[in-house]
Amino acid sequence: MPDLGAAGDGSCLSLHRAGQGDVEFLAATVVAAIEERYRHRSGWNRAEFLAGLIADATDQVCGGPRGSTTYVIEADHDRVGRLRLVDDGETLEVAGLQILPGRQGRGIGRAVLRSIMACADERHVLVVLDVEIDNPDAQRLYERLGFTVAGPIAGDRLPMTRQPEPPTSTPTATR
């Protein structure tokens, strides 16, 4: 991944590949980011959900699923979010992007997505993601960054894609 640079609030952003010591943070970040929307869902149990996320995060940092890399997002050396990318060589899938609620709205997610988009443009690959239909703020962000709806709603998720920017040509010298 290219350097993330700065968020909209001026904080210095970085990613580090998640390890076993990050599992609890990764799971807690997902819960914190979605709890307000999920807690009203019928049958949602925070403890069970968190336990499942811990198991998933453990699997992710131990090498599975194939092509998947999970990162911790840092702003000024503080852990503020989670990113999971799946790279199959032809697409970059944003399989999870969560920013802690207290750090949302500061341009962190936008900076992370722009970095992914720059990497995809460089490689000329598609960026894909799903957005939950009860998360209109995320959907608006993705649309502002050039993502478009890629198909019908599946369950509670809307698939979106972003085509790579065409390569810029360098003018050739004339004689």
Protein backbone atom coordinates (compact mmCIF):
# COMPACT_ATOMS: atom_id res chain seq x y z
CA MET A 1 0.00 0.00 0.00
CA PRO A 2 1.22 3.49 -0.74
CA ASP A 3 1.78 5.97 2.07
CA LEU A 4 -1.50 7.27 3.48
CA GLY A 5 -0.27 10.80 4.13
CA ALA A 6 -2.54 12.94 6.28
CA ALA A 7 -6.22 12.80 7.15
CA GLY A 8 -8.52 15.76 6.67
CA ASP A 9 -7.85 16.80 10.26
CA GLY A 10 -4.08 16.89 9.62
CA SER A 11 -3.24 13.74 11.58
CA CYS A 12 -0.47 11.57 10.14
CA LEU A 13 -1.90 8.24 8.98
CA SER A 14 -0.23 4.86 8.66
CA LEU A 15 -1.13 1.20 8.29
CA HIS A 16 0.52 -1.77 9.86
CA ARG A 17 -0.22 -5.37 9.11
CA ALA A 18 -2.28 -6.75 11.98
CA GLY A 19 -0.81 -9.44 14.20
CA GLN A 20 -2.04 -11.63 17.01
CA GLY A 21 -1.64 -8.77 19.48
CA ASP A 22 -4.16 -6.71 17.47
CA VAL A 23 -7.01 -9.26 17.44
CA GLU A 24 -8.96 -7.79 20.38
CA PHE A 25 -8.60 -4.27 18.96
CA LEU A 26 -9.75 -5.37 15.49
CA ALA A 27 -12.87 -7.06 16.84
CA ALA A 28 -13.68 -4.23 19.25
CA THR A 29 -13.30 -1.69 16.44
CA VAL A 30 -15.86 -3.48 14.27
CA VAL A 31 -18.31 -3.63 17.18
CA ALA A 32 -17.79 0.04 18.05
CA ALA A 33 -18.27 1.10 14.43
CA ILE A 34 -21.50 -0.84 13.84
CA GLU A 35 -23.10 -1.24 17.27
CA GLU A 36 -25.39 1.78 16.99
CA ARG A 37 -26.91 0.36 13.79
CA TYR A 38 -26.93 -3.31 14.86
CA ARG A 39 -28.20 -3.15 18.44
CA HIS A 40 -31.78 -2.63 17.25
CA ARG A 41 -31.72 -5.68 14.98
CA SER A 42 -33.80 -8.60 16.10
CA GLY A 43 -31.67 -11.30 17.71
CA TRP A 44 -28.44 -9.30 17.78
CA ASN A 45 -26.29 -10.29 20.72
CA ARG A 46 -23.21 -8.13 21.32
CA ALA A 47 -21.23 -10.79 23.21
CA GLU A 48 -21.85 -13.47 20.57
CA PHE A 49 -21.07 -11.03 17.78
CA LEU A 50 -17.81 -9.98 19.45
CA ALA A 51 -16.79 -13.62 20.01
CA GLY A 52 -17.37 -14.34 16.31
CA LEU A 53 -15.33 -11.30 15.31
CA ILE A 54 -12.46 -12.39 17.56
CA ALA A 55 -12.46 -15.80 15.88
CA ASP A 56 -12.56 -14.16 12.43
CA ALA A 57 -9.76 -11.70 13.28
CA THR A 58 -7.62 -14.53 14.66
CA ASP A 59 -8.06 -16.44 11.39
CA GLN A 60 -7.27 -13.32 9.36
CA VAL A 61 -4.01 -12.48 11.15
CA CYS A 62 -2.90 -16.13 10.98
CA GLY A 63 -2.91 -16.18 7.17
CA GLY A 64 -6.45 -16.95 6.08
CA PRO A 65 -8.45 -16.42 3.94
CA ARG A 66 -6.17 -16.55 0.91
CA GLY A 67 -5.23 -13.16 -0.52
CA SER A 68 -6.60 -11.35 2.53
CA THR A 69 -4.56 -8.89 4.57
CA THR A 70 -5.87 -7.14 7.68
CA TYR A 71 -4.36 -3.84 8.79
CA VAL A 72 -4.56 -1.57 11.79
CA ILE A 73 -5.07 2.07 10.80
CA GLU A 74 -3.15 4.55 12.93
CA ALA A 75 -3.48 8.33 13.21
CA ASP A 76 -0.56 10.02 14.93
CA HIS A 77 0.46 6.59 16.31
CA ASP A 78 -2.97 5.92 17.88
CA ARG A 79 -4.94 2.91 16.66
CA VAL A 80 -8.12 4.32 15.10
CA GLY A 81 -9.41 1.71 12.67
CA ARG A 82 -9.30 -1.54 10.81
CA LEU A 83 -8.89 -2.36 7.12
CA ARG A 84 -9.20 -5.73 5.48
CA LEU A 85 -8.21 -6.07 1.81
CA VAL A 86 -8.55 -9.09 -0.43
CA ASP A 87 -6.32 -9.06 -3.50
CA ASP A 88 -6.96 -11.73 -6.11
CA GLY A 89 -4.66 -10.12 -8.68
CA GLU A 90 -7.54 -8.74 -10.75
CA THR A 91 -9.47 -6.82 -8.09
CA LEU A 92 -8.87 -5.19 -4.74
CA GLU A 93 -11.78 -5.91 -2.44
CA VAL A 94 -12.31 -3.66 0.54
CA ALA A 95 -13.64 -6.47 2.72
CA GLY A 96 -13.84 -4.29 5.82
CA LEU A 97 -13.12 -0.68 6.71
CA GLN A 98 -14.09 0.52 10.16
CA ILE A 99 -13.03 3.71 11.92
CA LEU A 100 -13.66 4.18 15.64
CA PRO A 101 -16.75 6.38 16.11
CA GLY A 102 -14.84 9.13 17.92
CA ARG A 103 -12.47 9.45 14.94
CA GLN A 104 -15.05 9.29 12.14
CA GLY A 105 -15.73 12.35 10.01
CA ARG A 106 -12.09 13.47 10.02
CA GLY A 107 -11.07 12.17 6.60
CA ILE A 108 -9.37 8.99 7.80
CA GLY A 109 -11.59 6.58 5.84
CA ARG A 110 -11.37 8.83 2.78
CA ALA A 111 -7.55 8.86 2.95
CA VAL A 112 -7.42 5.08 3.29
CA LEU A 113 -9.77 4.63 0.33
CA ARG A 114 -7.80 7.09 -1.81
CA SER A 115 -4.65 5.12 -1.07
CA ILE A 116 -6.36 1.89 -2.13
CA MET A 117 -7.67 3.59 -5.27
CA ALA A 118 -4.18 4.88 -6.14
CA CYS A 119 -2.78 1.36 -5.76
CA ALA A 120 -5.60 -0.04 -7.93
CA ASP A 121 -5.04 2.64 -10.58
CA GLU A 122 -1.33 1.87 -10.65
CA ARG A 123 -2.10 -1.83 -11.20
CA HIS A 124 -5.14 -1.05 -13.38
CA VAL A 125 -7.49 -3.23 -11.30
CA LEU A 126 -11.06 -2.80 -10.11
CA VAL A 127 -11.87 -1.89 -6.49
CA VAL A 128 -14.95 -3.65 -5.10
CA LEU A 129 -16.80 -3.41 -1.81
CA ASP A 130 -20.19 -3.96 -0.24
CA VAL A 131 -21.91 -1.32 1.86
CA GLU A 132 -24.65 -2.12 4.33
CA ILE A 133 -27.93 -0.54 3.26
CA ASP A 134 -28.42 0.98 6.72
CA ASN A 135 -25.12 2.91 6.39
CA PRO A 136 -25.96 5.87 4.13
CA ASP A 137 -22.93 7.90 5.30
CA ALA A 138 -20.55 5.24 3.98
CA GLN A 139 -22.51 4.91 0.74
CA ARG A 140 -22.30 8.69 0.16
CA LEU A 141 -18.54 8.63 0.81
CA TYR A 142 -18.04 5.80 -1.69
CA GLU A 143 -20.14 7.58 -4.31
CA ARG A 144 -18.16 10.83 -3.84
CA LEU A 145 -14.98 8.82 -4.45
CA GLY A 146 -16.31 7.41 -7.73
CA PHE A 147 -17.81 4.10 -6.68
CA THR A 148 -21.01 3.05 -8.43
CA VAL A 149 -23.66 0.49 -7.61
CA ALA A 150 -22.66 -2.80 -9.22
CA GLY A 151 -25.78 -4.90 -8.73
CA PRO A 152 -28.89 -5.45 -6.69
CA ILE A 153 -28.99 -5.49 -2.92
CA ALA A 154 -27.93 -8.90 -1.59
CA GLY A 155 -29.30 -9.44 1.90
CA ASP A 156 -28.44 -6.18 3.65
CA ARG A 157 -25.54 -5.23 1.37
CA LEU A 158 -25.20 -3.14 -1.75
CA PRO A 159 -22.29 -4.07 -4.03
CA MET A 160 -20.24 -1.16 -5.38
CA THR A 161 -17.25 -0.90 -7.69
CA ARG A 162 -14.75 1.67 -8.86
CA GLN A 163 -13.09 1.35 -12.23
CA PRO A 164 -9.39 2.17 -12.39
CA GLU A 165 -8.43 5.52 -13.83
CA PRO A 166 -6.90 5.17 -17.28
CA PRO A 167 -3.11 5.39 -17.27
CA THR A 168 -1.78 8.83 -18.00
CA SER A 169 0.35 8.92 -21.09
CA THR A 170 3.64 10.69 -21.12
CA PRO A 171 4.03 12.87 -24.20
CA THR A 172 6.80 11.72 -26.46
CA ALA A 173 9.37 14.18 -27.69
CA THR A 174 9.08 15.21 -31.30
CA ARG A 175 12.06 15.80 -33.53
